N, C-alpha and C. Protein backbone atom coordinates (compact mmCIF):
# COMPACT_ATOMS: atom_id res chain seq x y z
N MET A 1 98.41 100.64 88.72
CA MET A 1 98.50 100.78 87.29
C MET A 1 99.88 101.27 86.87
N SER A 2 100.44 102.24 87.59
CA SER A 2 101.76 102.77 87.23
C SER A 2 102.82 101.70 87.25
N ARG A 3 102.76 100.82 88.25
CA ARG A 3 103.75 99.74 88.32
C ARG A 3 103.61 98.81 87.12
N GLN A 4 102.38 98.49 86.74
CA GLN A 4 102.16 97.60 85.61
C GLN A 4 102.66 98.22 84.30
N LEU A 5 102.64 99.54 84.22
CA LEU A 5 103.11 100.23 83.02
C LEU A 5 104.63 100.40 83.01
N GLY A 6 105.28 100.04 84.12
CA GLY A 6 106.73 100.14 84.19
C GLY A 6 107.25 101.54 84.43
N LEU A 7 106.39 102.44 84.91
CA LEU A 7 106.83 103.80 85.19
C LEU A 7 107.80 103.80 86.36
N GLN A 8 108.85 104.61 86.27
CA GLN A 8 109.91 104.61 87.27
C GLN A 8 109.82 105.80 88.24
N TRP A 9 108.67 106.37 88.43
CA TRP A 9 108.51 107.47 89.36
C TRP A 9 108.60 106.93 90.78
N PRO A 10 109.23 107.68 91.71
CA PRO A 10 109.31 107.21 93.10
C PRO A 10 107.95 106.85 93.69
N VAL A 11 106.93 107.60 93.30
CA VAL A 11 105.60 107.35 93.85
C VAL A 11 105.09 105.94 93.52
N THR A 12 105.57 105.35 92.43
CA THR A 12 105.09 104.01 92.08
C THR A 12 105.60 102.96 93.04
N GLN A 13 106.59 103.32 93.85
CA GLN A 13 107.17 102.38 94.82
C GLN A 13 106.92 102.83 96.25
N ALA A 14 105.95 103.70 96.46
CA ALA A 14 105.71 104.27 97.78
C ALA A 14 105.41 103.19 98.81
N ASP A 15 106.07 103.32 99.95
CA ASP A 15 105.77 102.47 101.09
C ASP A 15 105.63 103.39 102.30
N VAL A 16 105.38 102.83 103.46
CA VAL A 16 105.15 103.65 104.65
C VAL A 16 106.35 104.55 104.93
N ALA A 17 107.56 104.05 104.77
CA ALA A 17 108.76 104.86 105.03
C ALA A 17 108.83 106.07 104.10
N LEU A 18 108.55 105.87 102.83
CA LEU A 18 108.58 106.97 101.86
C LEU A 18 107.49 108.00 102.17
N ILE A 19 106.32 107.54 102.54
CA ILE A 19 105.22 108.43 102.90
C ILE A 19 105.60 109.26 104.12
N ARG A 20 106.20 108.62 105.12
CA ARG A 20 106.62 109.35 106.33
C ARG A 20 107.67 110.40 105.99
N GLU A 21 108.63 110.07 105.13
CA GLU A 21 109.65 111.03 104.73
C GLU A 21 109.02 112.20 103.97
N ASN A 22 108.06 111.93 103.13
CA ASN A 22 107.37 112.97 102.39
C ASN A 22 106.69 113.94 103.35
N ILE A 23 106.01 113.41 104.34
CA ILE A 23 105.33 114.25 105.32
C ILE A 23 106.35 115.04 106.15
N LYS A 24 107.43 114.39 106.54
CA LYS A 24 108.45 115.01 107.38
C LYS A 24 109.17 116.16 106.68
N HIS A 25 109.45 116.02 105.40
CA HIS A 25 110.27 116.99 104.68
C HIS A 25 109.48 117.95 103.81
N ASN A 26 108.19 117.80 103.75
CA ASN A 26 107.36 118.69 102.94
C ASN A 26 106.16 119.14 103.75
N ASP A 27 105.78 120.39 103.56
CA ASP A 27 104.61 120.91 104.25
C ASP A 27 103.38 120.53 103.41
N CYS A 28 102.90 119.31 103.63
CA CYS A 28 101.83 118.81 102.79
C CYS A 28 100.83 117.97 103.58
N TYR A 29 99.70 117.78 102.96
CA TYR A 29 98.72 116.82 103.44
C TYR A 29 99.00 115.53 102.66
N CYS A 30 98.92 114.41 103.32
CA CYS A 30 99.14 113.14 102.63
C CYS A 30 98.01 112.20 102.99
N TYR A 31 97.35 111.70 101.99
CA TYR A 31 96.24 110.76 102.18
C TYR A 31 96.67 109.39 101.66
N VAL A 32 96.30 108.37 102.38
CA VAL A 32 96.68 107.01 102.02
C VAL A 32 95.44 106.15 101.91
N LEU A 33 95.31 105.43 100.82
CA LEU A 33 94.24 104.45 100.65
C LEU A 33 94.84 103.09 100.96
N GLU A 34 94.32 102.47 101.99
CA GLU A 34 94.82 101.16 102.41
C GLU A 34 93.65 100.17 102.36
N ILE A 35 93.88 99.04 101.74
CA ILE A 35 92.86 97.99 101.66
C ILE A 35 93.49 96.70 102.17
N ASN A 36 92.86 96.12 103.18
CA ASN A 36 93.36 94.88 103.79
C ASN A 36 94.83 94.99 104.19
N GLY A 37 95.21 96.16 104.74
CA GLY A 37 96.56 96.34 105.24
C GLY A 37 97.62 96.61 104.18
N VAL A 38 97.20 96.81 102.94
CA VAL A 38 98.14 97.05 101.85
C VAL A 38 97.86 98.43 101.25
N ILE A 39 98.90 99.26 101.14
CA ILE A 39 98.73 100.58 100.53
C ILE A 39 98.39 100.41 99.06
N GLN A 40 97.28 101.03 98.67
CA GLN A 40 96.84 100.96 97.28
C GLN A 40 97.12 102.25 96.53
N ALA A 41 97.10 103.38 97.26
CA ALA A 41 97.32 104.67 96.61
C ALA A 41 97.67 105.71 97.66
N THR A 42 98.38 106.75 97.23
CA THR A 42 98.63 107.91 98.08
C THR A 42 98.40 109.16 97.26
N VAL A 43 98.02 110.22 97.95
CA VAL A 43 97.88 111.53 97.34
C VAL A 43 98.51 112.53 98.28
N SER A 44 99.42 113.35 97.77
CA SER A 44 100.03 114.40 98.58
C SER A 44 99.67 115.74 97.97
N HIS A 45 99.40 116.70 98.85
CA HIS A 45 99.03 118.04 98.40
C HIS A 45 99.74 119.05 99.28
N SER A 46 100.47 119.96 98.66
CA SER A 46 101.18 121.00 99.39
C SER A 46 100.19 121.93 100.08
N LYS A 47 100.47 122.23 101.36
CA LYS A 47 99.61 123.14 102.11
C LYS A 47 99.73 124.58 101.60
N ASN A 48 100.83 124.88 100.93
CA ASN A 48 101.10 126.26 100.51
C ASN A 48 100.75 126.56 99.06
N LYS A 49 100.21 125.59 98.34
CA LYS A 49 99.88 125.80 96.94
C LYS A 49 98.42 125.43 96.70
N PRO A 50 97.74 126.13 95.81
CA PRO A 50 96.34 125.79 95.53
C PRO A 50 96.24 124.44 94.83
N LEU A 51 95.19 123.73 95.12
CA LEU A 51 94.93 122.45 94.47
C LEU A 51 94.26 122.71 93.13
N ILE A 52 94.88 122.23 92.07
CA ILE A 52 94.35 122.41 90.72
C ILE A 52 93.97 121.05 90.19
N ILE A 53 92.74 120.89 89.83
CA ILE A 53 92.25 119.61 89.32
C ILE A 53 91.91 119.74 87.85
């Protein structure tokens, strides 16, 4: 949806390399939704901060 709206956030262009860099440089949990071998969504959550929904 973000890509269709033209949003320019780095997350809208996330690929495996970006996800790996995020994990490598941040103390976070990263979840990836993959359907038929294509990344559909990612969620990153810092291990050191509370999750606020």
